[in-house]
Amino acid sequence: VPTALTLLTALVVRRRCVLLDVSGPSMLPTYRDGDRLLAARVPL
């Protein structure tokens, strides 16, 4: 049961979230080159 819940949670997170790395200085000082960000797909 916990394994199935973990797998289900992982699948939901994978469909709803994006992990990405910042490249470049365009978002300084908020985010730096090399920062890793977690983003979620959300309704507009």
PDB file of all heavy atoms in Angstrom:
ATOM      1  N   VAL A   1       0.823  -1.204   0.000  1.00  0.00           N
ATOM      2  CA  VAL A   1       0.000   0.000   0.000  1.00  0.00           C
ATOM      3  C   VAL A   1       0.865   1.265   0.000  1.00  0.00           C
ATOM      4  O   VAL A   1       0.679   2.128  -0.852  1.00  0.00           O
ATOM      5  CB  VAL A   1      -1.010  -0.023   1.169  1.00  0.00           C
ATOM      6  CG1 VAL A   1      -1.707   1.313   1.299  1.00  0.00           C
ATOM      7  CG2 VAL A   1      -2.026  -1.139   0.952  1.00  0.00           C
ATOM      8  N   PRO A   2       1.843   1.415   0.914  1.00  0.00           N
ATOM      9  CA  PRO A   2       2.679   2.614   0.851  1.00  0.00           C
ATOM     10  C   PRO A   2       3.492   2.703  -0.442  1.00  0.00           C
ATOM     11  O   PRO A   2       3.689   3.781  -0.983  1.00  0.00           O
ATOM     12  CB  PRO A   2       3.611   2.480   2.060  1.00  0.00           C
ATOM     13  CG  PRO A   2       2.920   1.546   2.980  1.00  0.00           C
ATOM     14  CD  PRO A   2       2.112   0.642   2.115  1.00  0.00           C
ATOM     15  N   THR A   3       3.944   1.574  -0.957  1.00  0.00           N
ATOM     16  CA  THR A   3       4.693   1.574  -2.207  1.00  0.00           C
ATOM     17  C   THR A   3       3.817   2.054  -3.355  1.00  0.00           C
ATOM     18  O   THR A   3       4.248   2.854  -4.183  1.00  0.00           O
ATOM     19  CB  THR A   3       5.246   0.166  -2.507  1.00  0.00           C
ATOM     20  OG1 THR A   3       6.049  -0.247  -1.399  1.00  0.00           O
ATOM     21  CG2 THR A   3       6.069   0.153  -3.767  1.00  0.00           C
ATOM     22  N   ALA A   4       2.589   1.593  -3.413  1.00  0.00           N
ATOM     23  CA  ALA A   4       1.661   2.023  -4.456  1.00  0.00           C
ATOM     24  C   ALA A   4       1.362   3.518  -4.323  1.00  0.00           C
ATOM     25  O   ALA A   4       1.313   4.235  -5.324  1.00  0.00           O
ATOM     26  CB  ALA A   4       0.374   1.210  -4.388  1.00  0.00           C
ATOM     27  N   LEU A   5       1.178   3.991  -3.093  1.00  0.00           N
ATOM     28  CA  LEU A   5       0.935   5.424  -2.878  1.00  0.00           C
ATOM     29  C   LEU A   5       2.146   6.249  -3.285  1.00  0.00           C
ATOM     30  O   LEU A   5       2.014   7.316  -3.883  1.00  0.00           O
ATOM     31  CB  LEU A   5       0.580   5.690  -1.414  1.00  0.00           C
ATOM     32  CG  LEU A   5      -0.801   5.219  -0.980  1.00  0.00           C
ATOM     33  CD1 LEU A   5      -0.993   5.425   0.513  1.00  0.00           C
ATOM     34  CD2 LEU A   5      -1.882   5.944  -1.750  1.00  0.00           C
ATOM     35  N   THR A   6       3.348   5.775  -2.974  1.00  0.00           N
ATOM     36  CA  THR A   6       4.561   6.477  -3.368  1.00  0.00           C
ATOM     37  C   THR A   6       4.667   6.539  -4.883  1.00  0.00           C
ATOM     38  O   THR A   6       4.996   7.578  -5.451  1.00  0.00           O
ATOM     39  CB  THR A   6       5.800   5.775  -2.775  1.00  0.00           C
ATOM     40  OG1 THR A   6       5.655   5.741  -1.360  1.00  0.00           O
ATOM     41  CG2 THR A   6       7.077   6.477  -3.157  1.00  0.00           C
ATOM     42  N   LEU A   7       4.393   5.435  -5.549  1.00  0.00           N
ATOM     43  CA  LEU A   7       4.442   5.391  -7.003  1.00  0.00           C
ATOM     44  C   LEU A   7       3.404   6.331  -7.611  1.00  0.00           C
ATOM     45  O   LEU A   7       3.706   7.090  -8.538  1.00  0.00           O
ATOM     46  CB  LEU A   7       4.224   3.965  -7.496  1.00  0.00           C
ATOM     47  CG  LEU A   7       4.258   3.766  -8.999  1.00  0.00           C
ATOM     48  CD1 LEU A   7       5.615   4.163  -9.561  1.00  0.00           C
ATOM     49  CD2 LEU A   7       3.941   2.327  -9.354  1.00  0.00           C
ATOM     50  N   LEU A   8       2.197   6.310  -7.089  1.00  0.00           N
ATOM     51  CA  LEU A   8       1.141   7.193  -7.576  1.00  0.00           C
ATOM     52  C   LEU A   8       1.524   8.655  -7.373  1.00  0.00           C
ATOM     53  O   LEU A   8       1.364   9.481  -8.266  1.00  0.00           O
ATOM     54  CB  LEU A   8      -0.185   6.877  -6.870  1.00  0.00           C
ATOM     55  CG  LEU A   8      -1.380   7.723  -7.294  1.00  0.00           C
ATOM     56  CD1 LEU A   8      -1.679   7.489  -8.769  1.00  0.00           C
ATOM     57  CD2 LEU A   8      -2.586   7.387  -6.442  1.00  0.00           C
ATOM     58  N   THR A   9       2.061   8.990  -6.206  1.00  0.00           N
ATOM     59  CA  THR A   9       2.505  10.359  -5.926  1.00  0.00           C
ATOM     60  C   THR A   9       3.595  10.774  -6.899  1.00  0.00           C
ATOM     61  O   THR A   9       3.577  11.884  -7.428  1.00  0.00           O
ATOM     62  CB  THR A   9       3.007  10.477  -4.474  1.00  0.00           C
ATOM     63  OG1 THR A   9       1.953  10.090  -3.593  1.00  0.00           O
ATOM     64  CG2 THR A   9       3.452  11.881  -4.160  1.00  0.00           C
ATOM     65  N   ALA A  10       4.561   9.895  -7.144  1.00  0.00           N
ATOM     66  CA  ALA A  10       5.645  10.196  -8.075  1.00  0.00           C
ATOM     67  C   ALA A  10       5.113  10.451  -9.482  1.00  0.00           C
ATOM     68  O   ALA A  10       5.573  11.364 -10.175  1.00  0.00           O
ATOM     69  CB  ALA A  10       6.662   9.061  -8.084  1.00  0.00           C
ATOM     70  N   LEU A  11       4.126   9.664  -9.912  1.00  0.00           N
ATOM     71  CA  LEU A  11       3.549   9.864 -11.236  1.00  0.00           C
ATOM     72  C   LEU A  11       2.818  11.197 -11.337  1.00  0.00           C
ATOM     73  O   LEU A  11       2.928  11.903 -12.332  1.00  0.00           O
ATOM     74  CB  LEU A  11       2.604   8.711 -11.587  1.00  0.00           C
ATOM     75  CG  LEU A  11       3.271   7.367 -11.865  1.00  0.00           C
ATOM     76  CD1 LEU A  11       2.222   6.272 -12.003  1.00  0.00           C
ATOM     77  CD2 LEU A  11       4.154   7.443 -13.088  1.00  0.00           C
ATOM     78  N   VAL A  12       2.071  11.554 -10.297  1.00  0.00           N
ATOM     79  CA  VAL A  12       1.354  12.833 -10.290  1.00  0.00           C
ATOM     80  C   VAL A  12       2.343  13.983 -10.307  1.00  0.00           C
ATOM     81  O   VAL A  12       2.198  14.942 -11.074  1.00  0.00           O
ATOM     82  CB  VAL A  12       0.401  12.921  -9.076  1.00  0.00           C
ATOM     83  CG1 VAL A  12      -0.128  14.332  -8.903  1.00  0.00           C
ATOM     84  CG2 VAL A  12      -0.739  11.934  -9.230  1.00  0.00           C
ATOM     85  N   VAL A  13       3.385  13.913  -9.470  1.00  0.00           N
ATOM     86  CA  VAL A  13       4.383  14.977  -9.414  1.00  0.00           C
ATOM     87  C   VAL A  13       5.080  15.108 -10.760  1.00  0.00           C
ATOM     88  O   VAL A  13       5.303  16.206 -11.256  1.00  0.00           O
ATOM     89  CB  VAL A  13       5.407  14.722  -8.279  1.00  0.00           C
ATOM     90  CG1 VAL A  13       6.616  15.624  -8.398  1.00  0.00           C
ATOM     91  CG2 VAL A  13       4.732  14.909  -6.927  1.00  0.00           C
ATOM     92  N   ARG A  14       5.417  13.991 -11.371  1.00  0.00           N
ATOM     93  CA  ARG A  14       6.108  14.032 -12.658  1.00  0.00           C
ATOM     94  C   ARG A  14       5.247  14.687 -13.742  1.00  0.00           C
ATOM     95  O   ARG A  14       5.757  15.397 -14.593  1.00  0.00           O
ATOM     96  CB  ARG A  14       6.508  12.628 -13.075  1.00  0.00           C
ATOM     97  CG  ARG A  14       7.325  12.641 -14.333  1.00  0.00           C
ATOM     98  CD  ARG A  14       7.924  11.306 -14.620  1.00  0.00           C
ATOM     99  NE  ARG A  14       8.641  11.422 -15.867  1.00  0.00           N
ATOM    100  CZ  ARG A  14       9.752  10.832 -16.115  1.00  0.00           C
ATOM    101  NH1 ARG A  14      10.289  10.053 -15.219  1.00  0.00           N
ATOM    102  NH2 ARG A  14      10.349  10.973 -17.268  1.00  0.00           N
ATOM    103  N   ARG A  15       3.951  14.432 -13.703  1.00  0.00           N
ATOM    104  CA  ARG A  15       3.058  15.045 -14.696  1.00  0.00           C
ATOM    105  C   ARG A  15       2.815  16.520 -14.417  1.00  0.00           C
ATOM    106  O   ARG A  15       2.538  17.279 -15.323  1.00  0.00           O
ATOM    107  CB  ARG A  15       1.720  14.315 -14.719  1.00  0.00           C
ATOM    108  CG  ARG A  15       1.779  12.956 -15.357  1.00  0.00           C
ATOM    109  CD  ARG A  15       0.398  12.403 -15.490  1.00  0.00           C
ATOM    110  NE  ARG A  15      -0.404  13.328 -16.293  1.00  0.00           N
ATOM    111  CZ  ARG A  15      -1.039  12.998 -17.388  1.00  0.00           C
ATOM    112  NH1 ARG A  15      -0.979  11.781 -17.825  1.00  0.00           N
ATOM    113  NH2 ARG A  15      -1.736  13.884 -18.053  1.00  0.00           N
ATOM    114  N   ARG A  16       2.884  16.932 -13.161  1.00  0.00           N
ATOM    115  CA  ARG A  16       2.535  18.303 -12.785  1.00  0.00           C
ATOM    116  C   ARG A  16       3.735  19.205 -12.561  1.00  0.00           C
ATOM    117  O   ARG A  16       3.575  20.412 -12.460  1.00  0.00           O
ATOM    118  CB  ARG A  16       1.696  18.297 -11.496  1.00  0.00           C
ATOM    119  CG  ARG A  16       0.435  17.485 -11.537  1.00  0.00           C
ATOM    120  CD  ARG A  16      -0.681  18.093 -12.289  1.00  0.00           C
ATOM    121  NE  ARG A  16      -0.912  19.466 -11.940  1.00  0.00           N
ATOM    122  CZ  ARG A  16      -1.694  20.274 -12.618  1.00  0.00           C
ATOM    123  NH1 ARG A  16      -2.332  19.834 -13.659  1.00  0.00           N
ATOM    124  NH2 ARG A  16      -1.856  21.516 -12.262  1.00  0.00           N
ATOM    125  N   CYS A  17       4.939  18.645 -12.432  1.00  0.00           N
ATOM    126  CA  CYS A  17       6.112  19.451 -12.083  1.00  0.00           C
ATOM    127  C   CYS A  17       7.219  19.340 -13.124  1.00  0.00           C
ATOM    128  O   CYS A  17       7.311  18.352 -13.838  1.00  0.00           O
ATOM    129  CB  CYS A  17       6.653  19.022 -10.728  1.00  0.00           C
ATOM    130  SG  CYS A  17       5.520  19.387  -9.382  1.00  0.00           S
ATOM    131  N   VAL A  18       8.032  20.376 -13.164  1.00  0.00           N
ATOM    132  CA  VAL A  18       9.178  20.446 -14.062  1.00  0.00           C
ATOM    133  C   VAL A  18      10.377  20.876 -13.229  1.00  0.00           C
ATOM    134  O   VAL A  18      10.281  21.811 -12.433  1.00  0.00           O
ATOM    135  CB  VAL A  18       8.938  21.487 -15.183  1.00  0.00           C
ATOM    136  CG1 VAL A  18      10.150  21.605 -16.079  1.00  0.00           C
ATOM    137  CG2 VAL A  18       7.697  21.174 -15.967  1.00  0.00           C
ATOM    138  N   LEU A  19      11.502  20.186 -13.397  1.00  0.00           N
ATOM    139  CA  LEU A  19      12.746  20.559 -12.736  1.00  0.00           C
ATOM    140  C   LEU A  19      13.676  21.105 -13.810  1.00  0.00           C
ATOM    141  O   LEU A  19      13.875  20.456 -14.843  1.00  0.00           O
ATOM    142  CB  LEU A  19      13.359  19.331 -12.059  1.00  0.00           C
ATOM    143  CG  LEU A  19      14.515  19.571 -11.114  1.00  0.00           C
ATOM    144  CD1 LEU A  19      14.074  20.428  -9.926  1.00  0.00           C
ATOM    145  CD2 LEU A  19      15.072  18.257 -10.616  1.00  0.00           C
ATOM    146  N   LEU A  20      14.221  22.309 -13.612  1.00  0.00           N
ATOM    147  CA  LEU A  20      15.072  22.897 -14.635  1.00  0.00           C
ATOM    148  C   LEU A  20      16.230  23.660 -14.011  1.00  0.00           C
ATOM    149  O   LEU A  20      16.166  24.060 -12.844  1.00  0.00           O
ATOM    150  CB  LEU A  20      14.266  23.814 -15.551  1.00  0.00           C
ATOM    151  CG  LEU A  20      13.645  25.032 -14.900  1.00  0.00           C
ATOM    152  CD1 LEU A  20      13.848  26.226 -15.788  1.00  0.00           C
ATOM    153  CD2 LEU A  20      12.174  24.780 -14.688  1.00  0.00           C
ATOM    154  N   ASP A  21      17.277  23.853 -14.798  1.00  0.00           N
ATOM    155  CA  ASP A  21      18.451  24.588 -14.363  1.00  0.00           C
ATOM    156  C   ASP A  21      18.466  25.955 -15.031  1.00  0.00           C
ATOM    157  O   ASP A  21      18.201  26.065 -16.230  1.00  0.00           O
ATOM    158  CB  ASP A  21      19.730  23.833 -14.735  1.00  0.00           C
ATOM    159  CG  ASP A  21      19.854  22.509 -14.006  1.00  0.00           C
ATOM    160  OD1 ASP A  21      19.509  22.472 -12.815  1.00  0.00           O
ATOM    161  OD2 ASP A  21      20.279  21.522 -14.624  1.00  0.00           O
ATOM    162  N   VAL A  22      18.810  26.985 -14.258  1.00  0.00           N
ATOM    163  CA  VAL A  22      18.918  28.337 -14.790  1.00  0.00           C
ATOM    164  C   VAL A  22      20.242  28.450 -15.530  1.00  0.00           C
ATOM    165  O   VAL A  22      21.276  28.007 -15.046  1.00  0.00           O
ATOM    166  CB  VAL A  22      18.845  29.383 -13.657  1.00  0.00           C
ATOM    167  CG1 VAL A  22      19.097  30.787 -14.188  1.00  0.00           C
ATOM    168  CG2 VAL A  22      17.505  29.303 -12.945  1.00  0.00           C
ATOM    169  N   SER A  23      20.192  29.049 -16.704  1.00  0.00           N
ATOM    170  CA  SER A  23      21.394  29.281 -17.485  1.00  0.00           C
ATOM    171  C   SER A  23      21.405  30.737 -17.928  1.00  0.00           C
ATOM    172  O   SER A  23      20.502  31.179 -18.636  1.00  0.00           O
ATOM    173  CB  SER A  23      21.401  28.357 -18.707  1.00  0.00           C
ATOM    174  OG  SER A  23      22.501  28.631 -19.522  1.00  0.00           O
ATOM    175  N   GLY A  24      22.389  31.489 -17.465  1.00  0.00           N
ATOM    176  CA  GLY A  24      22.500  32.883 -17.859  1.00  0.00           C
ATOM    177  C   GLY A  24      22.084  33.846 -16.761  1.00  0.00           C
ATOM    178  O   GLY A  24      21.510  33.450 -15.747  1.00  0.00           O
ATOM    179  N   PRO A  25      22.358  35.135 -16.974  1.00  0.00           N
ATOM    180  CA  PRO A  25      22.145  36.162 -15.947  1.00  0.00           C
ATOM    181  C   PRO A  25      20.825  36.925 -16.041  1.00  0.00           C
ATOM    182  O   PRO A  25      20.628  37.892 -15.319  1.00  0.00           O
ATOM    183  CB  PRO A  25      23.312  37.112 -16.196  1.00  0.00           C
ATOM    184  CG  PRO A  25      23.486  37.067 -17.681  1.00  0.00           C
ATOM    185  CD  PRO A  25      23.183  35.631 -18.077  1.00  0.00           C
ATOM    186  N   SER A  26      19.899  36.516 -16.907  1.00  0.00           N
ATOM    187  CA  SER A  26      18.711  37.346 -17.147  1.00  0.00           C
ATOM    188  C   SER A  26      17.779  37.485 -15.954  1.00  0.00           C
ATOM    189  O   SER A  26      16.983  38.410 -15.905  1.00  0.00           O
ATOM    190  CB  SER A  26      17.931  36.830 -18.354  1.00  0.00           C
ATOM    191  OG  SER A  26      17.281  35.625 -18.042  1.00  0.00           O
ATOM    192  N   MET A  27      17.860  36.582 -14.970  1.00  0.00           N
ATOM    193  CA  MET A  27      16.968  36.680 -13.810  1.00  0.00           C
ATOM    194  C   MET A  27      17.699  37.101 -12.535  1.00  0.00           C
ATOM    195  O   MET A  27      17.157  36.968 -11.434  1.00  0.00           O
ATOM    196  CB  MET A  27      16.239  35.357 -13.589  1.00  0.00           C
ATOM    197  CG  MET A  27      15.112  35.109 -14.578  1.00  0.00           C
ATOM    198  SD  MET A  27      13.821  36.372 -14.564  1.00  0.00           S
ATOM    199  CE  MET A  27      13.025  36.049 -13.003  1.00  0.00           C
ATOM    200  N   LEU A  28      18.941  37.606 -12.674  1.00  0.00           N
ATOM    201  CA  LEU A  28      19.648  38.125 -11.498  1.00  0.00           C
ATOM    202  C   LEU A  28      18.903  39.320 -10.938  1.00  0.00           C
ATOM    203  O   LEU A  28      18.346  40.090 -11.703  1.00  0.00           O
ATOM    204  CB  LEU A  28      21.069  38.555 -11.894  1.00  0.00           C
ATOM    205  CG  LEU A  28      22.081  37.444 -12.080  1.00  0.00           C
ATOM    206  CD1 LEU A  28      23.372  38.008 -12.663  1.00  0.00           C
ATOM    207  CD2 LEU A  28      22.371  36.734 -10.776  1.00  0.00           C
ATOM    208  N   PRO A  29      18.831  39.541  -9.674  1.00  0.00           N
ATOM    209  CA  PRO A  29      19.443  38.798  -8.583  1.00  0.00           C
ATOM    210  C   PRO A  29      18.562  37.671  -8.040  1.00  0.00           C
ATOM    211  O   PRO A  29      18.968  36.955  -7.141  1.00  0.00           O
ATOM    212  CB  PRO A  29      19.640  39.861  -7.523  1.00  0.00           C
ATOM    213  CG  PRO A  29      18.466  40.770  -7.701  1.00  0.00           C
ATOM    214  CD  PRO A  29      18.214  40.780  -9.198  1.00  0.00           C
ATOM    215  N   THR A  30      17.367  37.481  -8.596  1.00  0.00           N
ATOM    216  CA  THR A  30      16.446  36.469  -8.072  1.00  0.00           C
ATOM    217  C   THR A  30      16.999  35.065  -8.236  1.00  0.00           C
ATOM    218  O   THR A  30      17.021  34.285  -7.282  1.00  0.00           O
ATOM    219  CB  THR A  30      15.076  36.574  -8.772  1.00  0.00           C
ATOM    220  OG1 THR A  30      14.631  37.934  -8.705  1.00  0.00           O
ATOM    221  CG2 THR A  30      14.060  35.673  -8.119  1.00  0.00           C
ATOM    222  N   TYR A  31      17.423  34.720  -9.441  1.00  0.00           N
ATOM    223  CA  TYR A  31      17.982  33.401  -9.720  1.00  0.00           C
ATOM    224  C   TYR A  31      19.304  33.565 -10.441  1.00  0.00           C
ATOM    225  O   TYR A  31      19.442  34.413 -11.319  1.00  0.00           O
ATOM    226  CB  TYR A  31      17.015  32.558 -10.571  1.00  0.00           C
ATOM    227  CG  TYR A  31      15.695  32.331  -9.903  1.00  0.00           C
ATOM    228  CD1 TYR A  31      14.523  32.846 -10.432  1.00  0.00           C
ATOM    229  CD2 TYR A  31      15.610  31.613  -8.721  1.00  0.00           C
ATOM    230  CE1 TYR A  31      13.300  32.648  -9.810  1.00  0.00           C
ATOM    231  CE2 TYR A  31      14.395  31.421  -8.087  1.00  0.00           C
ATOM    232  CZ  TYR A  31      13.248  31.937  -8.642  1.00  0.00           C
ATOM    233  OH  TYR A  31      12.044  31.742  -8.018  1.00  0.00           O
ATOM    234  N   ARG A  32      20.267  32.730 -10.060  1.00  0.00           N
ATOM    235  CA  ARG A  32      21.611  32.792 -10.635  1.00  0.00           C
ATOM    236  C   ARG A  32      21.839  31.639 -11.608  1.00  0.00           C
ATOM    237  O   ARG A  32      21.159  30.621 -11.539  1.00  0.00           O
ATOM    238  CB  ARG A  32      22.663  32.707  -9.526  1.00  0.00           C
ATOM    239  CG  ARG A  32      22.559  33.817  -8.526  1.00  0.00           C
ATOM    240  CD  ARG A  32      23.680  33.718  -7.496  1.00  0.00           C
ATOM    241  NE  ARG A  32      23.555  34.716  -6.466  1.00  0.00           N
ATOM    242  CZ  ARG A  32      23.833  35.994  -6.627  1.00  0.00           C
ATOM    243  NH1 ARG A  32      24.233  36.443  -7.779  1.00  0.00           N
ATOM    244  NH2 ARG A  32      23.701  36.841  -5.628  1.00  0.00           N
ATOM    245  N   ASP A  33      22.839  31.812 -12.460  1.00  0.00           N
ATOM    246  CA  ASP A  33      23.255  30.761 -13.380  1.00  0.00           C
ATOM    247  C   ASP A  33      23.597  29.516 -12.565  1.00  0.00           C
ATOM    248  O   ASP A  33      24.361  29.579 -11.607  1.00  0.00           O
ATOM    249  CB  ASP A  33      24.484  31.243 -14.162  1.00  0.00           C
ATOM    250  CG  ASP A  33      24.836  30.340 -15.320  1.00  0.00           C
ATOM    251  OD1 ASP A  33      23.966  29.594 -15.803  1.00  0.00           O
ATOM    252  OD2 ASP A  33      26.003  30.375 -15.751  1.00  0.00           O
ATOM    253  N   GLY A  34      22.989  28.385 -12.905  1.00  0.00           N
ATOM    254  CA  GLY A  34      23.232  27.134 -12.194  1.00  0.00           C
ATOM    255  C   GLY A  34      22.199  26.793 -11.142  1.00  0.00           C
ATOM    256  O   GLY A  34      22.180  25.663 -10.645  1.00  0.00           O
ATOM    257  N   ASP A  35      21.336  27.744 -10.759  1.00  0.00           N
ATOM    258  CA  ASP A  35      20.271  27.427  -9.805  1.00  0.00           C
ATOM    259  C   ASP A  35      19.344  26.378 -10.410  1.00  0.00           C
ATOM    260  O   ASP A  35      19.080  26.383 -11.614  1.00  0.00           O
ATOM    261  CB  ASP A  35      19.437  28.665  -9.457  1.00  0.00           C
ATOM    262  CG  ASP A  35      20.109  29.573  -8.452  1.00  0.00           C
ATOM    263  OD1 ASP A  35      21.146  29.186  -7.884  1.00  0.00           O
ATOM    264  OD2 ASP A  35      19.589  30.686  -8.238  1.00  0.00           O
ATOM    265  N   ARG A  36      18.848  25.491  -9.576  1.00  0.00           N
ATOM    266  CA  ARG A  36      17.872  24.491 -10.006  1.00  0.00           C
ATOM    267  C   ARG A  36      16.514  24.912  -9.458  1.00  0.00           C
ATOM    268  O   ARG A  36      16.376  25.184  -8.271  1.00  0.00           O
ATOM    269  CB  ARG A  36      18.262  23.115  -9.492  1.00  0.00           C
ATOM    270  CG  ARG A  36      17.286  22.035  -9.917  1.00  0.00           C
ATOM    271  CD  ARG A  36      17.878  20.694  -9.806  1.00  0.00           C
ATOM    272  NE  ARG A  36      18.737  20.530 -10.987  1.00  0.00           N
ATOM    273  CZ  ARG A  36      19.393  19.431 -11.264  1.00  0.00           C
ATOM    274  NH1 ARG A  36      19.327  18.413 -10.454  1.00  0.00           N
ATOM    275  NH2 ARG A  36      20.112  19.332 -12.352  1.00  0.00           N
ATOM    276  N   LEU A  37      15.496  24.940 -10.340  1.00  0.00           N
ATOM    277  CA  LEU A  37      14.162  25.395  -9.966  1.00  0.00           C
ATOM    278  C   LEU A  37      13.134  24.293 -10.138  1.00  0.00           C
ATOM    279  O   LEU A  37      13.229  23.480 -11.054  1.00  0.00           O
ATOM    280  CB  LEU A  37      13.749  26.594 -10.831  1.00  0.00           C
ATOM    281  CG  LEU A  37      14.697  27.784 -10.863  1.00  0.00           C
ATOM    282  CD1 LEU A  37      14.165  28.836 -11.819  1.00  0.00           C
ATOM    283  CD2 LEU A  37      14.907  28.354  -9.479  1.00  0.00           C
ATOM    284  N   LEU A  38      12.135  24.306  -9.261  1.00  0.00           N
ATOM    285  CA  LEU A  38      10.990  23.417  -9.373  1.00  0.00           C
ATOM    286  C   LEU A  38       9.805  24.263  -9.826  1.00  0.00           C
ATOM    287  O   LEU A  38       9.477  25.268  -9.188  1.00  0.00           O
ATOM    288  CB  LEU A  38      10.676  22.745  -8.031  1.00  0.00           C
ATOM    289  CG  LEU A  38       9.491  21.800  -8.025  1.00  0.00           C
ATOM    290  CD1 LEU A  38       9.761  20.579  -8.912  1.00  0.00           C
ATOM    291  CD2 LEU A  38       9.168  21.361  -6.604  1.00  0.00           C
ATOM    292  N   ALA A  39       9.207  23.874 -10.930  1.00  0.00           N
ATOM    293  CA  ALA A  39       8.045  24.588 -11.461  1.00  0.00           C
ATOM    294  C   ALA A  39       6.884  23.620 -11.577  1.00  0.00           C
ATOM    295  O   ALA A  39       7.075  22.428 -11.789  1.00  0.00           O
ATOM    296  CB  ALA A  39       8.367  25.190 -12.820  1.00  0.00           C
ATOM    297  N   ALA A  40       5.678  24.149 -11.430  1.00  0.00           N
ATOM    298  CA  ALA A  40       4.475  23.320 -11.518  1.00  0.00           C
ATOM    299  C   ALA A  40       3.602  23.798 -12.663  1.00  0.00           C
ATOM    300  O   ALA A  40       3.473  25.002 -12.900  1.00  0.00           O
ATOM    301  CB  ALA A  40       3.682  23.393 -10.216  1.00  0.00           C
ATOM    302  N   ARG A  41       3.034  22.829 -13.356  1.00  0.00           N
ATOM    303  CA  ARG A  41       2.053  23.158 -14.387  1.00  0.00           C
ATOM    304  C   ARG A  41       0.759  23.526 -13.670  1.00  0.00           C
ATOM    305  O   ARG A  41       0.241  22.733 -12.895  1.00  0.00           O
ATOM    306  CB  ARG A  41       1.863  21.961 -15.301  1.00  0.00           C
ATOM    307  CG  ARG A  41       3.112  21.637 -16.094  1.00  0.00           C
ATOM    308  CD  ARG A  41       2.907  20.391 -16.955  1.00  0.00           C
ATOM    309  NE  ARG A  41       4.084  20.134 -17.748  1.00  0.00           N
ATOM    310  CZ  ARG A  41       4.995  19.211 -17.464  1.00  0.00           C
ATOM    311  NH1 ARG A  41       4.855  18.440 -16.406  1.00  0.00           N
ATOM    312  NH2 ARG A  41       6.042  19.041 -18.231  1.00  0.00           N
ATOM    313  N   VAL A  42       0.282  24.731 -13.910  1.00  0.00           N
ATOM    314  CA  VAL A  42      -0.915  25.211 -13.224  1.00  0.00           C
ATOM    315  C   VAL A  42      -1.907  25.749 -14.251  1.00  0.00           C
ATOM    316  O   VAL A  42      -1.520  26.105 -15.361  1.00  0.00           O
ATOM    317  CB  VAL A  42      -0.581  26.335 -12.207  1.00  0.00           C
ATOM    318  CG1 VAL A  42       0.334  25.834 -11.120  1.00  0.00           C
ATOM    319  CG2 VAL A  42       0.016  27.538 -12.890  1.00  0.00           C
ATOM    320  N   PRO A  43      -3.167  25.837 -13.871  1.00  0.00           N
ATOM    321  CA  PRO A  43      -4.147  26.445 -14.769  1.00  0.00           C
ATOM    322  C   PRO A  43      -3.799  27.918 -15.007  1.00  0.00           C
ATOM    323  O   PRO A  43      -3.266  28.599 -14.121  1.00  0.00           O
ATOM    324  CB  PRO A  43      -5.472  26.327 -14.012  1.00  0.00           C
ATOM    325  CG  PRO A  43      -5.245  25.321 -12.950  1.00  0.00           C
ATOM    326  CD  PRO A  43      -3.785  25.332 -12.644  1.00  0.00           C
ATOM    327  N   LEU A  44      -4.102  28.401 -16.187  1.00  0.00           N
ATOM    328  CA  LEU A  44      -3.765  29.781 -16.542  1.00  0.00           C
ATOM    329  C   LEU A  44      -4.414  30.796 -15.615  1.00  0.00           C
ATOM    330  O   LEU A  44      -3.867  31.866 -15.383  1.00  0.00           O
ATOM    331  CB  LEU A  44      -4.180  30.049 -17.987  1.00  0.00           C
ATOM    332  CG  LEU A  44      -3.414  29.222 -19.009  1.00  0.00           C
ATOM    333  CD1 LEU A  44      -4.018  29.397 -20.399  1.00  0.00           C
ATOM    334  CD2 LEU A  44      -1.954  29.598 -19.010  1.00  0.00           C
TER     335      LEU A  44
END
